[in-house]
C-alpha cells in the first residue's frame, strides 16, 4: 500500500506539471483547464465538478470564480437548485481549451508511442478499478 501511494503521489505531481505546461500557452492553469474541461459539454454545479475531478468544492469554487472574472466561464440558473448555479464555459473558454488540444494530442501521441496503446489501456482500466474500490472502501 505504501509503495502504491508513494508512486501515485509522484504520478500525480508529474501529471500536474505536464498539465500546467500544456495549459500555459492558452493562458490557463492546469486547474482552470480541468474545471473548464468538466463543463465544456454540460453545465454543472461546482459541487459536481469537484466530485468529477476529485477535489474540494471550495477549490473548484475559487477557480470557477476566477474563470468567470476572466470571461472564460459564466454562471447560469440551475432549474434543479436555486442556490447552486450551473457553471458553463463561454466561447472564450472553449477557445482557450481548443488552444491546448494540439499540444495535448502531441504529448498523448508521444506517451502512447513510448508506452504502447495496449499498456495505456490496461493502465487506465487498472487505475479506474483502483479508484472505484477506494471509493467503495471509503464509503463502507
C-alpha atoms as a PDB file:
ATOM      1  CA  UNK A   1       0.000   0.000   0.000  1.00  0.00           C
ATOM      2  CA  UNK A   2       2.803   2.435   0.864  1.00  0.00           C
ATOM      3  CA  UNK A   3       4.611   1.848  -2.435  1.00  0.00           C
ATOM      4  CA  UNK A   4       1.341   2.303  -4.342  1.00  0.00           C
ATOM      5  CA  UNK A   5       0.578   5.556  -2.519  1.00  0.00           C
ATOM      6  CA  UNK A   6       4.114   6.902  -2.989  1.00  0.00           C
ATOM      7  CA  UNK A   7       4.108   6.077  -6.701  1.00  0.00           C
ATOM      8  CA  UNK A   8       0.628   7.559  -7.116  1.00  0.00           C
ATOM      9  CA  UNK A   9       1.672  10.788  -5.414  1.00  0.00           C
ATOM     10  CA  UNK A  10       4.683  11.027  -7.726  1.00  0.00           C
ATOM     11  CA  UNK A  11       2.500  10.307 -10.758  1.00  0.00           C
ATOM     12  CA  UNK A  12       0.044  12.981  -9.625  1.00  0.00           C
ATOM     13  CA  UNK A  13       2.852  15.513  -9.408  1.00  0.00           C
ATOM     14  CA  UNK A  14       4.093  14.558 -12.857  1.00  0.00           C
ATOM     15  CA  UNK A  15       0.630  14.852 -14.384  1.00  0.00           C
ATOM     16  CA  UNK A  16       0.050  18.223 -12.710  1.00  0.00           C
ATOM     17  CA  UNK A  17       3.370  19.541 -14.084  1.00  0.00           C
ATOM     18  CA  UNK A  18       2.542  18.279 -17.585  1.00  0.00           C
ATOM     19  CA  UNK A  19      -0.954  19.790 -17.364  1.00  0.00           C
ATOM     20  CA  UNK A  20       0.473  23.150 -16.301  1.00  0.00           C
ATOM     21  CA  UNK A  21       2.941  23.124 -19.195  1.00  0.00           C
ATOM     22  CA  UNK A  22       0.242  22.182 -21.723  1.00  0.00           C
ATOM     23  CA  UNK A  23      -2.188  24.805 -20.395  1.00  0.00           C
ATOM     24  CA  UNK A  24       0.318  27.677 -20.148  1.00  0.00           C
ATOM     25  CA  UNK A  25       0.261  28.741 -23.852  1.00  0.00           C
ATOM     26  CA  UNK A  26      -3.520  29.200 -23.681  1.00  0.00           C
ATOM     27  CA  UNK A  27      -3.248  31.450 -20.631  1.00  0.00           C
ATOM     28  CA  UNK A  28      -4.866  28.820 -18.408  1.00  0.00           C
ATOM     29  CA  UNK A  29      -3.524  26.991 -15.397  1.00  0.00           C
ATOM     30  CA  UNK A  30      -3.812  23.251 -15.069  1.00  0.00           C
ATOM     31  CA  UNK A  31      -6.589  23.734 -12.511  1.00  0.00           C
ATOM     32  CA  UNK A  32      -8.559  26.119 -14.718  1.00  0.00           C
ATOM     33  CA  UNK A  33      -8.159  23.688 -17.634  1.00  0.00           C
ATOM     34  CA  UNK A  34      -9.585  20.870 -15.508  1.00  0.00           C
ATOM     35  CA  UNK A  35     -12.570  22.912 -14.365  1.00  0.00           C
ATOM     36  CA  UNK A  36     -13.349  24.282 -17.840  1.00  0.00           C
ATOM     37  CA  UNK A  37     -13.000  20.846 -19.412  1.00  0.00           C
ATOM     38  CA  UNK A  38     -15.510  19.453 -16.917  1.00  0.00           C
ATOM     39  CA  UNK A  39     -18.195  21.885 -18.131  1.00  0.00           C
ATOM     40  CA  UNK A  40     -17.420  22.029 -21.859  1.00  0.00           C
ATOM     41  CA  UNK A  41     -20.360  19.919 -22.942  1.00  0.00           C
ATOM     42  CA  UNK A  42     -22.712  20.106 -19.995  1.00  0.00           C
ATOM     43  CA  UNK A  43     -23.059  22.885 -17.425  1.00  0.00           C
ATOM     44  CA  UNK A  44     -22.588  21.562 -13.892  1.00  0.00           C
ATOM     45  CA  UNK A  45     -22.839  22.882 -10.355  1.00  0.00           C
ATOM     46  CA  UNK A  46     -19.473  23.491  -8.713  1.00  0.00           C
ATOM     47  CA  UNK A  47     -20.034  20.571  -6.323  1.00  0.00           C
ATOM     48  CA  UNK A  48     -20.478  18.169  -9.259  1.00  0.00           C
ATOM     49  CA  UNK A  49     -17.312  19.464 -10.918  1.00  0.00           C
ATOM     50  CA  UNK A  50     -15.456  18.883  -7.649  1.00  0.00           C
ATOM     51  CA  UNK A  51     -16.725  15.302  -7.425  1.00  0.00           C
ATOM     52  CA  UNK A  52     -15.825  14.648 -11.063  1.00  0.00           C
ATOM     53  CA  UNK A  53     -12.229  15.824 -10.746  1.00  0.00           C
ATOM     54  CA  UNK A  54     -11.696  14.658  -7.162  1.00  0.00           C
ATOM     55  CA  UNK A  55     -11.002  17.907  -5.335  1.00  0.00           C
ATOM     56  CA  UNK A  56     -12.837  20.009  -2.775  1.00  0.00           C
ATOM     57  CA  UNK A  57     -15.835  22.125  -3.684  1.00  0.00           C
ATOM     58  CA  UNK A  58     -14.072  25.151  -2.236  1.00  0.00           C
ATOM     59  CA  UNK A  59     -11.081  24.804  -4.544  1.00  0.00           C
ATOM     60  CA  UNK A  60     -13.333  24.451  -7.579  1.00  0.00           C
ATOM     61  CA  UNK A  61     -15.378  27.446  -6.425  1.00  0.00           C
ATOM     62  CA  UNK A  62     -12.229  29.575  -6.245  1.00  0.00           C
ATOM     63  CA  UNK A  63     -11.141  28.523  -9.766  1.00  0.00           C
ATOM     64  CA  UNK A  64     -14.679  28.917 -11.135  1.00  0.00           C
ATOM     65  CA  UNK A  65     -14.931  32.454  -9.776  1.00  0.00           C
ATOM     66  CA  UNK A  66     -11.599  33.325 -11.417  1.00  0.00           C
ATOM     67  CA  UNK A  67     -12.751  31.823 -14.717  1.00  0.00           C
ATOM     68  CA  UNK A  68     -15.944  33.889 -14.559  1.00  0.00           C
ATOM     69  CA  UNK A  69     -13.954  37.051 -13.768  1.00  0.00           C
ATOM     70  CA  UNK A  70     -11.738  36.327 -16.800  1.00  0.00           C
ATOM     71  CA  UNK A  71     -14.745  35.805 -19.077  1.00  0.00           C
ATOM     72  CA  UNK A  72     -13.881  32.150 -19.673  1.00  0.00           C
ATOM     73  CA  UNK A  73     -16.920  30.785 -17.847  1.00  0.00           C
ATOM     74  CA  UNK A  74     -20.242  32.015 -16.597  1.00  0.00           C
ATOM     75  CA  UNK A  75     -22.866  31.050 -14.054  1.00  0.00           C
ATOM     76  CA  UNK A  76     -26.407  30.342 -15.133  1.00  0.00           C
ATOM     77  CA  UNK A  77     -29.530  29.473 -13.164  1.00  0.00           C
ATOM     78  CA  UNK A  78     -29.933  25.862 -12.157  1.00  0.00           C
ATOM     79  CA  UNK A  79     -33.517  24.661 -12.609  1.00  0.00           C
ATOM     80  CA  UNK A  80     -32.888  21.884 -10.059  1.00  0.00           C
ATOM     81  CA  UNK A  81     -31.436  24.054  -7.304  1.00  0.00           C
ATOM     82  CA  UNK A  82     -31.967  27.761  -6.858  1.00  0.00           C
ATOM     83  CA  UNK A  83     -28.709  28.455  -4.981  1.00  0.00           C
ATOM     84  CA  UNK A  84     -26.333  26.033  -6.754  1.00  0.00           C
ATOM     85  CA  UNK A  85     -25.833  27.810 -10.064  1.00  0.00           C
ATOM     86  CA  UNK A  86     -24.506  25.951 -13.081  1.00  0.00           C
ATOM     87  CA  UNK A  87     -21.012  26.696 -14.365  1.00  0.00           C
ATOM     88  CA  UNK A  88     -20.742  26.883 -18.152  1.00  0.00           C
ATOM     89  CA  UNK A  89     -17.783  27.562 -20.444  1.00  0.00           C
ATOM     90  CA  UNK A  90     -18.097  30.698 -22.560  1.00  0.00           C
ATOM     91  CA  UNK A  91     -16.940  30.834 -26.179  1.00  0.00           C
ATOM     92  CA  UNK A  92     -13.667  32.374 -24.926  1.00  0.00           C
ATOM     93  CA  UNK A  93     -13.282  29.438 -22.518  1.00  0.00           C
ATOM     94  CA  UNK A  94     -13.906  26.930 -25.300  1.00  0.00           C
ATOM     95  CA  UNK A  95     -11.347  28.761 -27.462  1.00  0.00           C
ATOM     96  CA  UNK A  96      -8.779  28.532 -24.657  1.00  0.00           C
ATOM     97  CA  UNK A  97      -9.377  24.793 -24.363  1.00  0.00           C
ATOM     98  CA  UNK A  98      -9.052  24.413 -28.156  1.00  0.00           C
ATOM     99  CA  UNK A  99      -5.632  26.090 -27.934  1.00  0.00           C
ATOM    100  CA  UNK A 100      -4.484  23.271 -25.652  1.00  0.00           C
ATOM    101  CA  UNK A 101      -5.688  20.463 -27.922  1.00  0.00           C
ATOM    102  CA  UNK A 102      -2.722  20.300 -30.341  1.00  0.00           C
ATOM    103  CA  UNK A 103      -0.110  20.150 -27.571  1.00  0.00           C
ATOM    104  CA  UNK A 104      -2.215  17.660 -25.639  1.00  0.00           C
ATOM    105  CA  UNK A 105      -2.632  15.434 -28.700  1.00  0.00           C
ATOM    106  CA  UNK A 106       1.093  15.588 -29.459  1.00  0.00           C
ATOM    107  CA  UNK A 107       2.017  14.667 -25.888  1.00  0.00           C
ATOM    108  CA  UNK A 108      -0.550  11.856 -25.813  1.00  0.00           C
ATOM    109  CA  UNK A 109       0.883  10.509 -29.062  1.00  0.00           C
ATOM    110  CA  UNK A 110       4.417  10.560 -27.647  1.00  0.00           C
ATOM    111  CA  UNK A 111       3.217   8.813 -24.498  1.00  0.00           C
ATOM    112  CA  UNK A 112       1.360   6.161 -26.484  1.00  0.00           C
ATOM    113  CA  UNK A 113       4.441   5.641 -28.641  1.00  0.00           C
ATOM    114  CA  UNK A 114       6.697   5.220 -25.623  1.00  0.00           C
ATOM    115  CA  UNK A 115       4.342   3.127 -23.513  1.00  0.00           C
ATOM    116  CA  UNK A 116       2.219   1.377 -26.120  1.00  0.00           C
ATOM    117  CA  UNK A 117      -1.511   1.777 -26.614  1.00  0.00           C
ATOM    118  CA  UNK A 118      -2.347  -1.604 -25.063  1.00  0.00           C
ATOM    119  CA  UNK A 119      -0.349  -0.783 -21.925  1.00  0.00           C
ATOM    120  CA  UNK A 120      -2.048   2.622 -21.706  1.00  0.00           C
ATOM    121  CA  UNK A 121      -5.479   0.981 -21.966  1.00  0.00           C
ATOM    122  CA  UNK A 122      -4.582  -1.645 -19.363  1.00  0.00           C
ATOM    123  CA  UNK A 123      -3.198   1.028 -17.025  1.00  0.00           C
ATOM    124  CA  UNK A 124      -6.316   3.155 -17.402  1.00  0.00           C
ATOM    125  CA  UNK A 125      -8.518   0.160 -16.624  1.00  0.00           C
ATOM    126  CA  UNK A 126      -6.441  -0.684 -13.540  1.00  0.00           C
ATOM    127  CA  UNK A 127      -6.424   2.898 -12.257  1.00  0.00           C
ATOM    128  CA  UNK A 128     -10.189   3.223 -12.796  1.00  0.00           C
ATOM    129  CA  UNK A 129     -10.758  -0.022 -10.911  1.00  0.00           C
ATOM    130  CA  UNK A 130      -8.468   1.084  -8.087  1.00  0.00           C
ATOM    131  CA  UNK A 131     -10.375   4.365  -7.831  1.00  0.00           C
ATOM    132  CA  UNK A 132     -13.715   2.535  -7.699  1.00  0.00           C
ATOM    133  CA  UNK A 133     -12.515   0.187  -4.967  1.00  0.00           C
ATOM    134  CA  UNK A 134     -11.015   3.023  -2.924  1.00  0.00           C
ATOM    135  CA  UNK A 135     -14.284   4.951  -3.196  1.00  0.00           C
ATOM    136  CA  UNK A 136     -16.247   1.882  -2.076  1.00  0.00           C
ATOM    137  CA  UNK A 137     -13.913   1.270   0.868  1.00  0.00           C
ATOM    138  CA  UNK A 138     -14.134   4.918   1.904  1.00  0.00           C
ATOM    139  CA  UNK A 139     -17.929   4.723   1.975  1.00  0.00           C
ATOM    140  CA  UNK A 140     -18.055   1.399   3.778  1.00  0.00           C
END
